[in-house]
Amino acid sequence: MRYYPLVVGAWLFVLGLYGIVEARDMVRQVICLAVVQSSSYVLLLSVGYKAGAAAPIYKDIPAGTNVVDPVVQALALTDTVVEATVMALLLALVVRAYERTGSLDPLRLTALRG
């Protein structure tokens, strides 16, 4: 059961990567990139998880109590903010490409020059 989150994270990564490669629509590619990014959340949280551990609030717990790693939680939150920023930028680029070419097919982007 210990490796289950790692398997889920790897499965999400492969599924999203397959979607990026096979999608013929730039919006679907951006969504598949979000799926790939979500695999990093699963991996980060599985690394920092400890069975039976308390929240990392040290004020109310006795010394020596097992706690969940707060650094990994902070990295997952940072990862969420980075993903939101990247998705907003990519979707803005998709809108501009659609305005210029009239299509969301990435193979038709060769017409973008100048």
PDB file of N, CA and C in Angstrom:
ATOM      1  N   MET A   1       0.821  -1.197   0.000  1.00  0.00           N
ATOM      2  CA  MET A   1       0.000   0.000   0.000  1.00  0.00           C
ATOM      3  C   MET A   1       0.867   1.264   0.000  1.00  0.00           C
ATOM      4  N   ARG A   2       2.126   1.133   0.359  1.00  0.00           N
ATOM      5  CA  ARG A   2       3.000   2.287   0.431  1.00  0.00           C
ATOM      6  C   ARG A   2       3.289   2.875  -0.948  1.00  0.00           C
ATOM      7  N   TYR A   3       3.299   2.044  -1.971  1.00  0.00           N
ATOM      8  CA  TYR A   3       3.639   2.506  -3.305  1.00  0.00           C
ATOM      9  C   TYR A   3       2.423   2.929  -4.123  1.00  0.00           C
ATOM     10  N   TYR A   4       1.244   2.794  -3.569  1.00  0.00           N
ATOM     11  CA  TYR A   4       0.021   3.136  -4.299  1.00  0.00           C
ATOM     12  C   TYR A   4       0.011   4.600  -4.767  1.00  0.00           C
ATOM     13  N   PRO A   5       0.338   5.596  -3.932  1.00  0.00           N
ATOM     14  CA  PRO A   5       0.357   6.985  -4.434  1.00  0.00           C
ATOM     15  C   PRO A   5       1.394   7.209  -5.536  1.00  0.00           C
ATOM     16  N   LEU A   6       2.507   6.496  -5.477  1.00  0.00           N
ATOM     17  CA  LEU A   6       3.518   6.638  -6.521  1.00  0.00           C
ATOM     18  C   LEU A   6       3.016   6.070  -7.847  1.00  0.00           C
ATOM     19  N   VAL A   7       2.287   4.967  -7.768  1.00  0.00           N
ATOM     20  CA  VAL A   7       1.714   4.374  -8.970  1.00  0.00           C
ATOM     21  C   VAL A   7       0.644   5.303  -9.554  1.00  0.00           C
ATOM     22  N   VAL A   8      -0.178   5.896  -8.692  1.00  0.00           N
ATOM     23  CA  VAL A   8      -1.209   6.830  -9.163  1.00  0.00           C
ATOM     24  C   VAL A   8      -0.559   8.058  -9.799  1.00  0.00           C
ATOM     25  N   GLY A   9       0.489   8.579  -9.179  1.00  0.00           N
ATOM     26  CA  GLY A   9       1.199   9.728  -9.749  1.00  0.00           C
ATOM     27  C   GLY A   9       1.819   9.410 -11.099  1.00  0.00           C
ATOM     28  N   ALA A  10       2.428   8.229 -11.222  1.00  0.00           N
ATOM     29  CA  ALA A  10       3.019   7.833 -12.492  1.00  0.00           C
ATOM     30  C   ALA A  10       1.934   7.626 -13.548  1.00  0.00           C
ATOM     31  N   TRP A  11       0.793   7.052 -13.146  1.00  0.00           N
ATOM     32  CA  TRP A  11      -0.308   6.833 -14.075  1.00  0.00           C
ATOM     33  C   TRP A  11      -0.859   8.166 -14.580  1.00  0.00           C
ATOM     34  N   LEU A  12      -1.027   9.141 -13.678  1.00  0.00           N
ATOM     35  CA  LEU A  12      -1.493  10.465 -14.091  1.00  0.00           C
ATOM     36  C   LEU A  12      -0.511  11.128 -15.050  1.00  0.00           C
ATOM     37  N   PHE A  13       0.769  10.975 -14.769  1.00  0.00           N
ATOM     38  CA  PHE A  13       1.790  11.556 -15.637  1.00  0.00           C
ATOM     39  C   PHE A  13       1.728  10.961 -17.034  1.00  0.00           C
ATOM     40  N   VAL A  14       1.670   9.632 -17.121  1.00  0.00           N
ATOM     41  CA  VAL A  14       1.638   8.964 -18.422  1.00  0.00           C
ATOM     42  C   VAL A  14       0.345   9.302 -19.159  1.00  0.00           C
ATOM     43  N   LEU A  15      -0.779   9.329 -18.449  1.00  0.00           N
ATOM     44  CA  LEU A  15      -2.054   9.661 -19.068  1.00  0.00           C
ATOM     45  C   LEU A  15      -2.046  11.085 -19.631  1.00  0.00           C
ATOM     46  N   GLY A  16      -1.525  12.035 -18.860  1.00  0.00           N
ATOM     47  CA  GLY A  16      -1.448  13.411 -19.337  1.00  0.00           C
ATOM     48  C   GLY A  16      -0.481  13.572 -20.494  1.00  0.00           C
ATOM     49  N   LEU A  17       0.645  12.877 -20.426  1.00  0.00           N
ATOM     50  CA  LEU A  17       1.624  12.949 -21.514  1.00  0.00           C
ATOM     51  C   LEU A  17       1.060  12.352 -22.801  1.00  0.00           C
ATOM     52  N   TYR A  18       0.336  11.265 -22.680  1.00  0.00           N
ATOM     53  CA  TYR A  18      -0.327  10.674 -23.843  1.00  0.00           C
ATOM     54  C   TYR A  18      -1.349  11.656 -24.437  1.00  0.00           C
ATOM     55  N   GLY A  19      -2.080  12.336 -23.563  1.00  0.00           N
ATOM     56  CA  GLY A  19      -3.056  13.317 -24.036  1.00  0.00           C
ATOM     57  C   GLY A  19      -2.407  14.485 -24.745  1.00  0.00           C
ATOM     58  N   ILE A  20      -1.267  14.930 -24.251  1.00  0.00           N
ATOM     59  CA  ILE A  20      -0.550  16.034 -24.911  1.00  0.00           C
ATOM     60  C   ILE A  20      -0.092  15.619 -26.302  1.00  0.00           C
ATOM     61  N   VAL A  21       0.427  14.400 -26.415  1.00  0.00           N
ATOM     62  CA  VAL A  21       0.946  13.932 -27.698  1.00  0.00           C
ATOM     63  C   VAL A  21      -0.183  13.688 -28.696  1.00  0.00           C
ATOM     64  N   GLU A  22      -1.301  13.139 -28.250  1.00  0.00           N
ATOM     65  CA  GLU A  22      -2.369  12.734 -29.155  1.00  0.00           C
ATOM     66  C   GLU A  22      -3.401  13.823 -29.452  1.00  0.00           C
ATOM     67  N   ALA A  23      -3.493  14.866 -28.637  1.00  0.00           N
ATOM     68  CA  ALA A  23      -4.538  15.876 -28.815  1.00  0.00           C
ATOM     69  C   ALA A  23      -4.270  16.720 -30.052  1.00  0.00           C
ATOM     70  N   ARG A  24      -5.313  16.974 -30.805  1.00  0.00           N
ATOM     71  CA  ARG A  24      -5.224  17.850 -31.973  1.00  0.00           C
ATOM     72  C   ARG A  24      -5.950  19.160 -31.717  1.00  0.00           C
ATOM     73  N   ASP A  25      -6.027  19.535 -30.478  1.00  0.00           N
ATOM     74  CA  ASP A  25      -6.687  20.767 -30.062  1.00  0.00           C
ATOM     75  C   ASP A  25      -5.819  21.364 -28.950  1.00  0.00           C
ATOM     76  N   MET A  26      -5.462  22.627 -29.095  1.00  0.00           N
ATOM     77  CA  MET A  26      -4.544  23.226 -28.128  1.00  0.00           C
ATOM     78  C   MET A  26      -5.154  23.359 -26.743  1.00  0.00           C
ATOM     79  N   VAL A  27      -6.458  23.535 -26.644  1.00  0.00           N
ATOM     80  CA  VAL A  27      -7.093  23.616 -25.324  1.00  0.00           C
ATOM     81  C   VAL A  27      -6.991  22.266 -24.625  1.00  0.00           C
ATOM     82  N   ARG A  28      -7.196  21.185 -25.370  1.00  0.00           N
ATOM     83  CA  ARG A  28      -7.036  19.850 -24.774  1.00  0.00           C
ATOM     84  C   ARG A  28      -5.598  19.604 -24.351  1.00  0.00           C
ATOM     85  N   GLN A  29      -4.652  20.113 -25.097  1.00  0.00           N
ATOM     86  CA  GLN A  29      -3.253  19.961 -24.712  1.00  0.00           C
ATOM     87  C   GLN A  29      -2.963  20.694 -23.411  1.00  0.00           C
ATOM     88  N   VAL A  30      -3.541  21.865 -23.233  1.00  0.00           N
ATOM     89  CA  VAL A  30      -3.359  22.611 -21.989  1.00  0.00           C
ATOM     90  C   VAL A  30      -3.997  21.857 -20.820  1.00  0.00           C
ATOM     91  N   ILE A  31      -5.159  21.272 -21.049  1.00  0.00           N
ATOM     92  CA  ILE A  31      -5.819  20.491 -19.994  1.00  0.00           C
ATOM     93  C   ILE A  31      -4.987  19.262 -19.648  1.00  0.00           C
ATOM     94  N   CYS A  32      -4.425  18.604 -20.638  1.00  0.00           N
ATOM     95  CA  CYS A  32      -3.573  17.442 -20.374  1.00  0.00           C
ATOM     96  C   CYS A  32      -2.302  17.846 -19.642  1.00  0.00           C
ATOM     97  N   LEU A  33      -1.806  19.035 -19.912  1.00  0.00           N
ATOM     98  CA  LEU A  33      -0.660  19.531 -19.149  1.00  0.00           C
ATOM     99  C   LEU A  33      -1.033  19.734 -17.684  1.00  0.00           C
ATOM    100  N   ALA A  34      -2.267  20.150 -17.415  1.00  0.00           N
ATOM    101  CA  ALA A  34      -2.738  20.276 -16.033  1.00  0.00           C
ATOM    102  C   ALA A  34      -2.808  18.911 -15.359  1.00  0.00           C
ATOM    103  N   VAL A  35      -3.153  17.878 -16.111  1.00  0.00           N
ATOM    104  CA  VAL A  35      -3.163  16.517 -15.557  1.00  0.00           C
ATOM    105  C   VAL A  35      -1.745  16.079 -15.217  1.00  0.00           C
ATOM    106  N   VAL A  36      -0.792  16.383 -16.085  1.00  0.00           N
ATOM    107  CA  VAL A  36       0.613  16.067 -15.797  1.00  0.00           C
ATOM    108  C   VAL A  36       1.064  16.807 -14.538  1.00  0.00           C
ATOM    109  N   GLN A  37       0.666  18.054 -14.415  1.00  0.00           N
ATOM    110  CA  GLN A  37       1.035  18.846 -13.240  1.00  0.00           C
ATOM    111  C   GLN A  37       0.402  18.262 -11.977  1.00  0.00           C
ATOM    112  N   SER A  38      -0.803  17.743 -12.079  1.00  0.00           N
ATOM    113  CA  SER A  38      -1.451  17.178 -10.893  1.00  0.00           C
ATOM    114  C   SER A  38      -0.737  15.924 -10.414  1.00  0.00           C
ATOM    115  N   SER A  39      -0.023  15.256 -11.297  1.00  0.00           N
ATOM    116  CA  SER A  39       0.752  14.102 -10.847  1.00  0.00           C
ATOM    117  C   SER A  39       1.855  14.534  -9.877  1.00  0.00           C
ATOM    118  N   SER A  40       2.363  15.741 -10.046  1.00  0.00           N
ATOM    119  CA  SER A  40       3.386  16.214  -9.108  1.00  0.00           C
ATOM    120  C   SER A  40       2.788  16.484  -7.729  1.00  0.00           C
ATOM    121  N   TYR A  41       1.510  16.887  -7.663  1.00  0.00           N
ATOM    122  CA  TYR A  41       0.863  17.059  -6.356  1.00  0.00           C
ATOM    123  C   TYR A  41       0.790  15.733  -5.624  1.00  0.00           C
ATOM    124  N   VAL A  42       0.375  14.703  -6.345  1.00  0.00           N
ATOM    125  CA  VAL A  42       0.248  13.383  -5.723  1.00  0.00           C
ATOM    126  C   VAL A  42       1.603  12.895  -5.230  1.00  0.00           C
ATOM    127  N   LEU A  43       2.628  13.094  -6.038  1.00  0.00           N
ATOM    128  CA  LEU A  43       3.963  12.649  -5.630  1.00  0.00           C
ATOM    129  C   LEU A  43       4.491  13.452  -4.440  1.00  0.00           C
ATOM    130  N   LEU A  44       4.298  14.763  -4.460  1.00  0.00           N
ATOM    131  CA  LEU A  44       4.763  15.573  -3.332  1.00  0.00           C
ATOM    132  C   LEU A  44       4.058  15.206  -2.035  1.00  0.00           C
ATOM    133  N   LEU A  45       2.746  15.068  -2.096  1.00  0.00           N
ATOM    134  CA  LEU A  45       2.010  14.750  -0.878  1.00  0.00           C
ATOM    135  C   LEU A  45       2.269  13.331  -0.401  1.00  0.00           C
ATOM    136  N   SER A  46       2.562  12.416  -1.308  1.00  0.00           N
ATOM    137  CA  SER A  46       2.879  11.056  -0.866  1.00  0.00           C
ATOM    138  C   SER A  46       4.260  10.989  -0.217  1.00  0.00           C
ATOM    139  N   VAL A  47       5.176  11.843  -0.657  1.00  0.00           N
ATOM    140  CA  VAL A  47       6.505  11.875  -0.040  1.00  0.00           C
ATOM    141  C   VAL A  47       6.427  12.426   1.382  1.00  0.00           C
ATOM    142  N   GLY A  48       5.593  13.428   1.599  1.00  0.00           N
ATOM    143  CA  GLY A  48       5.523  14.064   2.906  1.00  0.00           C
ATOM    144  C   GLY A  48       4.565  13.412   3.884  1.00  0.00           C
ATOM    145  N   TYR A  49       3.821  12.390   3.452  1.00  0.00           N
ATOM    146  CA  TYR A  49       2.826  11.767   4.321  1.00  0.00           C
ATOM    147  C   TYR A  49       3.481  10.820   5.314  1.00  0.00           C
ATOM    148  N   LYS A  50       3.007  10.863   6.557  1.00  0.00           N
ATOM    149  CA  LYS A  50       3.414   9.920   7.597  1.00  0.00           C
ATOM    150  C   LYS A  50       2.151   9.388   8.253  1.00  0.00           C
ATOM    151  N   ALA A  51       2.021   8.083   8.323  1.00  0.00           N
ATOM    152  CA  ALA A  51       0.823   7.477   8.904  1.00  0.00           C
ATOM    153  C   ALA A  51       0.741   7.814  10.395  1.00  0.00           C
ATOM    154  N   GLY A  52      -0.401   8.307  10.813  1.00  0.00           N
ATOM    155  CA  GLY A  52      -0.622   8.614  12.222  1.00  0.00           C
ATOM    156  C   GLY A  52       0.026   9.909  12.699  1.00  0.00           C
ATOM    157  N   ALA A  53       0.546  10.697  11.774  1.00  0.00           N
ATOM    158  CA  ALA A  53       1.229  11.936  12.151  1.00  0.00           C
ATOM    159  C   ALA A  53       0.212  13.071  12.300  1.00  0.00           C
ATOM    160  N   ALA A  54       0.604  14.057  13.104  1.00  0.00           N
ATOM    161  CA  ALA A  54      -0.261  15.211  13.358  1.00  0.00           C
ATOM    162  C   ALA A  54       0.056  16.331  12.371  1.00  0.00           C
ATOM    163  N   ALA A  55      -0.816  17.336  12.347  1.00  0.00           N
ATOM    164  CA  ALA A  55      -0.577  18.521  11.532  1.00  0.00           C
ATOM    165  C   ALA A  55       0.643  19.265  12.073  1.00  0.00           C
ATOM    166  N   PRO A  56       1.386  19.945  11.222  1.00  0.00           N
ATOM    167  CA  PRO A  56       2.617  20.609  11.676  1.00  0.00           C
ATOM    168  C   PRO A  56       2.355  21.934  12.396  1.00  0.00           C
ATOM    169  N   ILE A  57       1.518  21.889  13.415  1.00  0.00           N
ATOM    170  CA  ILE A  57       1.269  23.048  14.266  1.00  0.00           C
ATOM    171  C   ILE A  57       1.847  22.691  15.637  1.00  0.00           C
ATOM    172  N   TYR A  58       2.980  23.250  15.972  1.00  0.00           N
ATOM    173  CA  TYR A  58       3.742  22.800  17.120  1.00  0.00           C
ATOM    174  C   TYR A  58       3.291  23.404  18.438  1.00  0.00           C
ATOM    175  N   LYS A  59       2.356  24.280  18.424  1.00  0.00           N
ATOM    176  CA  LYS A  59       1.932  24.958  19.644  1.00  0.00           C
ATOM    177  C   LYS A  59       1.193  24.029  20.606  1.00  0.00           C
ATOM    178  N   ASP A  60       0.331  23.166  20.087  1.00  0.00           N
ATOM    179  CA  ASP A  60      -0.553  22.371  20.931  1.00  0.00           C
ATOM    180  C   ASP A  60      -0.159  20.906  21.062  1.00  0.00           C
ATOM    181  N   ILE A  61       0.980  20.484  20.532  1.00  0.00           N
ATOM    182  CA  ILE A  61       1.340  19.077  20.627  1.00  0.00           C
ATOM    183  C   ILE A  61       2.606  18.924  21.455  1.00  0.00           C
ATOM    184  N   PRO A  62       2.746  17.795  22.137  1.00  0.00           N
ATOM    185  CA  PRO A  62       3.954  17.582  22.948  1.00  0.00           C
ATOM    186  C   PRO A  62       5.189  17.350  22.080  1.00  0.00           C
ATOM    187  N   ALA A  63       6.337  17.593  22.646  1.00  0.00           N
ATOM    188  CA  ALA A  63       7.600  17.405  21.928  1.00  0.00           C
ATOM    189  C   ALA A  63       7.788  15.926  21.611  1.00  0.00           C
ATOM    190  N   GLY A  64       8.346  15.656  20.445  1.00  0.00           N
ATOM    191  CA  GLY A  64       8.608  14.284  20.038  1.00  0.00           C
ATOM    192  C   GLY A  64       7.467  13.629  19.280  1.00  0.00           C
ATOM    193  N   THR A  65       6.381  14.349  19.047  1.00  0.00           N
ATOM    194  CA  THR A  65       5.256  13.800  18.302  1.00  0.00           C
ATOM    195  C   THR A  65       5.562  13.825  16.805  1.00  0.00           C
ATOM    196  N   ASN A  66       5.214  12.747  16.131  1.00  0.00           N
ATOM    197  CA  ASN A  66       5.406  12.709  14.672  1.00  0.00           C
ATOM    198  C   ASN A  66       4.469  13.704  14.007  1.00  0.00           C
ATOM    199  N   VAL A  67       5.013  14.493  13.079  1.00  0.00           N
ATOM    200  CA  VAL A  67       4.205  15.449  12.321  1.00  0.00           C
ATOM    201  C   VAL A  67       4.470  15.261  10.835  1.00  0.00           C
ATOM    202  N   VAL A  68       3.520  15.702  10.029  1.00  0.00           N
ATOM    203  CA  VAL A  68       3.673  15.685   8.582  1.00  0.00           C
ATOM    204  C   VAL A  68       4.666  16.779   8.196  1.00  0.00           C
ATOM    205  N   ASP A  69       5.445  16.540   7.168  1.00  0.00           N
ATOM    206  CA  ASP A  69       6.475  17.488   6.750  1.00  0.00           C
ATOM    207  C   ASP A  69       5.833  18.764   6.190  1.00  0.00           C
ATOM    208  N   PRO A  70       6.035  19.914   6.837  1.00  0.00           N
ATOM    209  CA  PRO A  70       5.416  21.151   6.343  1.00  0.00           C
ATOM    210  C   PRO A  70       6.070  21.689   5.070  1.00  0.00           C
ATOM    211  N   VAL A  71       7.312  21.321   4.810  1.00  0.00           N
ATOM    212  CA  VAL A  71       7.991  21.808   3.606  1.00  0.00           C
ATOM    213  C   VAL A  71       7.325  21.235   2.352  1.00  0.00           C
ATOM    214  N   VAL A  72       6.959  19.971   2.423  1.00  0.00           N
ATOM    215  CA  VAL A  72       6.316  19.339   1.280  1.00  0.00           C
ATOM    216  C   VAL A  72       4.942  19.967   1.036  1.00  0.00           C
ATOM    217  N   GLN A  73       4.234  20.300   2.096  1.00  0.00           N
ATOM    218  CA  GLN A  73       2.941  20.970   1.938  1.00  0.00           C
ATOM    219  C   GLN A  73       3.121  22.351   1.304  1.00  0.00           C
ATOM    220  N   ALA A  74       4.152  23.058   1.704  1.00  0.00           N
ATOM    221  CA  ALA A  74       4.423  24.371   1.113  1.00  0.00           C
ATOM    222  C   ALA A  74       4.799  24.236  -0.362  1.00  0.00           C
ATOM    223  N   LEU A  75       5.555  23.187  -0.699  1.00  0.00           N
ATOM    224  CA  LEU A  75       5.897  22.967  -2.104  1.00  0.00           C
ATOM    225  C   LEU A  75       4.666  22.636  -2.940  1.00  0.00           C
ATOM    226  N   ALA A  76       3.728  21.877  -2.374  1.00  0.00           N
ATOM    227  CA  ALA A  76       2.501  21.564  -3.099  1.00  0.00           C
ATOM    228  C   ALA A  76       1.674  22.830  -3.336  1.00  0.00           C
ATOM    229  N   LEU A  77       1.612  23.707  -2.343  1.00  0.00           N
ATOM    230  CA  LEU A  77       0.896  24.975  -2.531  1.00  0.00           C
ATOM    231  C   LEU A  77       1.583  25.857  -3.565  1.00  0.00           C
ATOM    232  N   THR A  78       2.900  25.896  -3.540  1.00  0.00           N
ATOM    233  CA  THR A  78       3.643  26.659  -4.538  1.00  0.00           C
ATOM    234  C   THR A  78       3.423  26.075  -5.928  1.00  0.00           C
ATOM    235  N   ASP A  79       3.383  24.763  -6.016  1.00  0.00           N
ATOM    236  CA  ASP A  79       3.127  24.089  -7.275  1.00  0.00           C
ATOM    237  C   ASP A  79       1.751  24.458  -7.825  1.00  0.00           C
ATOM    238  N   THR A  80       0.770  24.596  -6.943  1.00  0.00           N
ATOM    239  CA  THR A  80      -0.574  24.995  -7.357  1.00  0.00           C
ATOM    240  C   THR A  80      -0.573  26.399  -7.948  1.00  0.00           C
ATOM    241  N   VAL A  81       0.132  27.312  -7.317  1.00  0.00           N
ATOM    242  CA  VAL A  81       0.201  28.691  -7.810  1.00  0.00           C
ATOM    243  C   VAL A  81       0.930  28.743  -9.153  1.00  0.00           C
ATOM    244  N   VAL A  82       1.999  27.997  -9.275  1.00  0.00           N
ATOM    245  CA  VAL A  82       2.740  27.972 -10.540  1.00  0.00           C
ATOM    246  C   VAL A  82       1.867  27.391 -11.645  1.00  0.00           C
ATOM    247  N   GLU A  83       1.118  26.330 -11.331  1.00  0.00           N
ATOM    248  CA  GLU A  83       0.251  25.738 -12.348  1.00  0.00           C
ATOM    249  C   GLU A  83      -0.821  26.721 -12.804  1.00  0.00           C
ATOM    250  N   ALA A  84      -1.423  27.444 -11.876  1.00  0.00           N
ATOM    251  CA  ALA A  84      -2.455  28.417 -12.255  1.00  0.00           C
ATOM    252  C   ALA A  84      -1.876  29.495 -13.163  1.00  0.00           C
ATOM    253  N   THR A  85      -0.670  29.934 -12.875  1.00  0.00           N
ATOM    254  CA  THR A  85      -0.024  30.955 -13.698  1.00  0.00           C
ATOM    255  C   THR A  85       0.301  30.419 -15.091  1.00  0.00           C
ATOM    256  N   VAL A  86       0.850  29.226 -15.150  1.00  0.00           N
ATOM    257  CA  VAL A  86       1.202  28.627 -16.436  1.00  0.00           C
ATOM    258  C   VAL A  86      -0.050  28.382 -17.269  1.00  0.00           C
ATOM    259  N   MET A  87      -1.109  27.891 -16.645  1.00  0.00           N
ATOM    260  CA  MET A  87      -2.353  27.637 -17.384  1.00  0.00           C
ATOM    261  C   MET A  87      -2.944  28.936 -17.932  1.00  0.00           C
ATOM    262  N   ALA A  88      -2.912  30.005 -17.143  1.00  0.00           N
ATOM    263  CA  ALA A  88      -3.431  31.294 -17.616  1.00  0.00           C
ATOM    264  C   ALA A  88      -2.618  31.799 -18.805  1.00  0.00           C
ATOM    265  N   LEU A  89      -1.310  31.683 -18.733  1.00  0.00           N
ATOM    266  CA  LEU A  89      -0.455  32.122 -19.833  1.00  0.00           C
ATOM    267  C   LEU A  89      -0.690  31.283 -21.086  1.00  0.00           C
ATOM    268  N   LEU A  90      -0.753  29.973 -20.926  1.00  0.00           N
ATOM    269  CA  LEU A  90      -0.966  29.109 -22.085  1.00  0.00           C
ATOM    270  C   LEU A  90      -2.334  29.331 -22.719  1.00  0.00           C
ATOM    271  N   LEU A  91      -3.355  29.502 -21.900  1.00  0.00           N
ATOM    272  CA  LEU A  91      -4.682  29.756 -22.467  1.00  0.00           C
ATOM    273  C   LEU A  91      -4.747  31.109 -23.177  1.00  0.00           C
ATOM    274  N   ALA A  92      -4.020  32.101 -22.667  1.00  0.00           N
ATOM    275  CA  ALA A  92      -3.945  33.387 -23.365  1.00  0.00           C
ATOM    276  C   ALA A  92      -3.245  33.227 -24.717  1.00  0.00           C
ATOM    277  N   LEU A  93      -2.203  32.415 -24.757  1.00  0.00           N
ATOM    278  CA  LEU A  93      -1.526  32.155 -26.030  1.00  0.00           C
ATOM    279  C   LEU A  93      -2.426  31.386 -26.996  1.00  0.00           C
ATOM    280  N   VAL A  94      -3.226  30.476 -26.474  1.00  0.00           N
ATOM    281  CA  VAL A  94      -4.163  29.740 -27.323  1.00  0.00           C
ATOM    282  C   VAL A  94      -5.195  30.690 -27.929  1.00  0.00           C
ATOM    283  N   VAL A  95      -5.698  31.626 -27.128  1.00  0.00           N
ATOM    284  CA  VAL A  95      -6.672  32.599 -27.631  1.00  0.00           C
ATOM    285  C   VAL A  95      -6.043  33.451 -28.730  1.00  0.00           C
ATOM    286  N   ARG A  96      -4.821  33.908 -28.517  1.00  0.00           N
ATOM    287  CA  ARG A  96      -4.150  34.722 -29.544  1.00  0.00           C
ATOM    288  C   ARG A  96      -3.904  33.913 -30.821  1.00  0.00           C
ATOM    289  N   ALA A  97      -3.511  32.648 -30.667  1.00  0.00           N
ATOM    290  CA  ALA A  97      -3.289  31.812 -31.850  1.00  0.00           C
ATOM    291  C   ALA A  97      -4.595  31.582 -32.595  1.00  0.00           C
ATOM    292  N   TYR A  98      -5.689  31.424 -31.870  1.00  0.00           N
ATOM    293  CA  TYR A  98      -6.994  31.243 -32.516  1.00  0.00           C
ATOM    294  C   TYR A  98      -7.420  32.516 -33.248  1.00  0.00           C
ATOM    295  N   GLU A  99      -7.138  33.672 -32.651  1.00  0.00           N
ATOM    296  CA  GLU A  99      -7.471  34.933 -33.321  1.00  0.00           C
ATOM    297  C   GLU A  99      -6.682  35.106 -34.610  1.00  0.00           C
ATOM    298  N   ARG A 100      -5.433  34.653 -34.625  1.00  0.00           N
ATOM    299  CA  ARG A 100      -4.583  34.818 -35.808  1.00  0.00           C
ATOM    300  C   ARG A 100      -4.867  33.793 -36.896  1.00  0.00           C
ATOM    301  N   THR A 101      -5.158  32.541 -36.515  1.00  0.00           N
ATOM    302  CA  THR A 101      -5.301  31.487 -37.519  1.00  0.00           C
ATOM    303  C   THR A 101      -6.738  31.015 -37.699  1.00  0.00           C
ATOM    304  N   GLY A 102      -7.595  31.221 -36.712  1.00  0.00           N
ATOM    305  CA  GLY A 102      -8.971  30.733 -36.805  1.00  0.00           C
ATOM    306  C   GLY A 102      -9.097  29.253 -36.532  1.00  0.00           C
ATOM    307  N   SER A 103      -8.049  28.651 -35.991  1.00  0.00           N
ATOM    308  CA  SER A 103      -8.066  27.216 -35.716  1.00  0.00           C
ATOM    309  C   SER A 103      -7.329  26.937 -34.419  1.00  0.00           C
ATOM    310  N   LEU A 104      -7.704  25.842 -33.768  1.00  0.00           N
ATOM    311  CA  LEU A 104      -7.005  25.412 -32.554  1.00  0.00           C
ATOM    312  C   LEU A 104      -6.090  24.229 -32.820  1.00  0.00           C
ATOM    313  N   ASP A 105      -5.937  23.874 -34.081  1.00  0.00           N
ATOM    314  CA  ASP A 105      -5.070  22.760 -34.460  1.00  0.00           C
ATOM    315  C   ASP A 105      -3.611  23.220 -34.394  1.00  0.00           C
ATOM    316  N   PRO A 106      -2.770  22.545 -33.612  1.00  0.00           N
ATOM    317  CA  PRO A 106      -1.372  22.989 -33.515  1.00  0.00           C
ATOM    318  C   PRO A 106      -0.595  22.812 -34.816  1.00  0.00           C
ATOM    319  N   LEU A 107      -1.060  21.973 -35.712  1.00  0.00           N
ATOM    320  CA  LEU A 107      -0.362  21.788 -36.981  1.00  0.00           C
ATOM    321  C   LEU A 107      -0.565  22.960 -37.929  1.00  0.00           C
ATOM    322  N   ARG A 108      -1.553  23.785 -37.675  1.00  0.00           N
ATOM    323  CA  ARG A 108      -1.818  24.957 -38.530  1.00  0.00           C
ATOM    324  C   ARG A 108      -1.110  26.205 -38.022  1.00  0.00           C
ATOM    325  N   LEU A 109      -0.308  26.092 -36.991  1.00  0.00           N
ATOM    326  CA  LEU A 109       0.384  27.263 -36.447  1.00  0.00           C
ATOM    327  C   LEU A 109       1.581  27.675 -37.289  1.00  0.00           C
ATOM    328  N   THR A 110       1.903  26.943 -38.321  1.00  0.00           N
ATOM    329  CA  THR A 110       3.025  27.344 -39.169  1.00  0.00           C
ATOM    330  C   THR A 110       2.731  28.626 -39.918  1.00  0.00           C
ATOM    331  N   ALA A 111       1.452  29.006 -39.991  1.00  0.00           N
ATOM    332  CA  ALA A 111       1.084  30.245 -40.678  1.00  0.00           C
ATOM    333  C   ALA A 111       1.407  31.486 -39.842  1.00  0.00           C
ATOM    334  N   LEU A 112       1.783  31.299 -38.593  1.00  0.00           N
ATOM    335  CA  LEU A 112       2.094  32.446 -37.738  1.00  0.00           C
ATOM    336  C   LEU A 112       3.526  32.913 -38.048  1.00  0.00           C
ATOM    337  N   ARG A 113       3.629  33.998 -38.771  1.00  0.00           N
ATOM    338  CA  ARG A 113       4.925  34.584 -39.068  1.00  0.00           C
ATOM    339  C   ARG A 113       4.796  36.091 -38.972  1.00  0.00           C
ATOM    340  N   GLY A 114       5.888  36.718 -38.530  1.00  0.00           N
ATOM    341  CA  GLY A 114       5.938  38.162 -38.515  1.00  0.00           C
ATOM    342  C   GLY A 114       5.201  38.788 -37.491  1.00  0.00           C
TER     343      GLY A 114
END
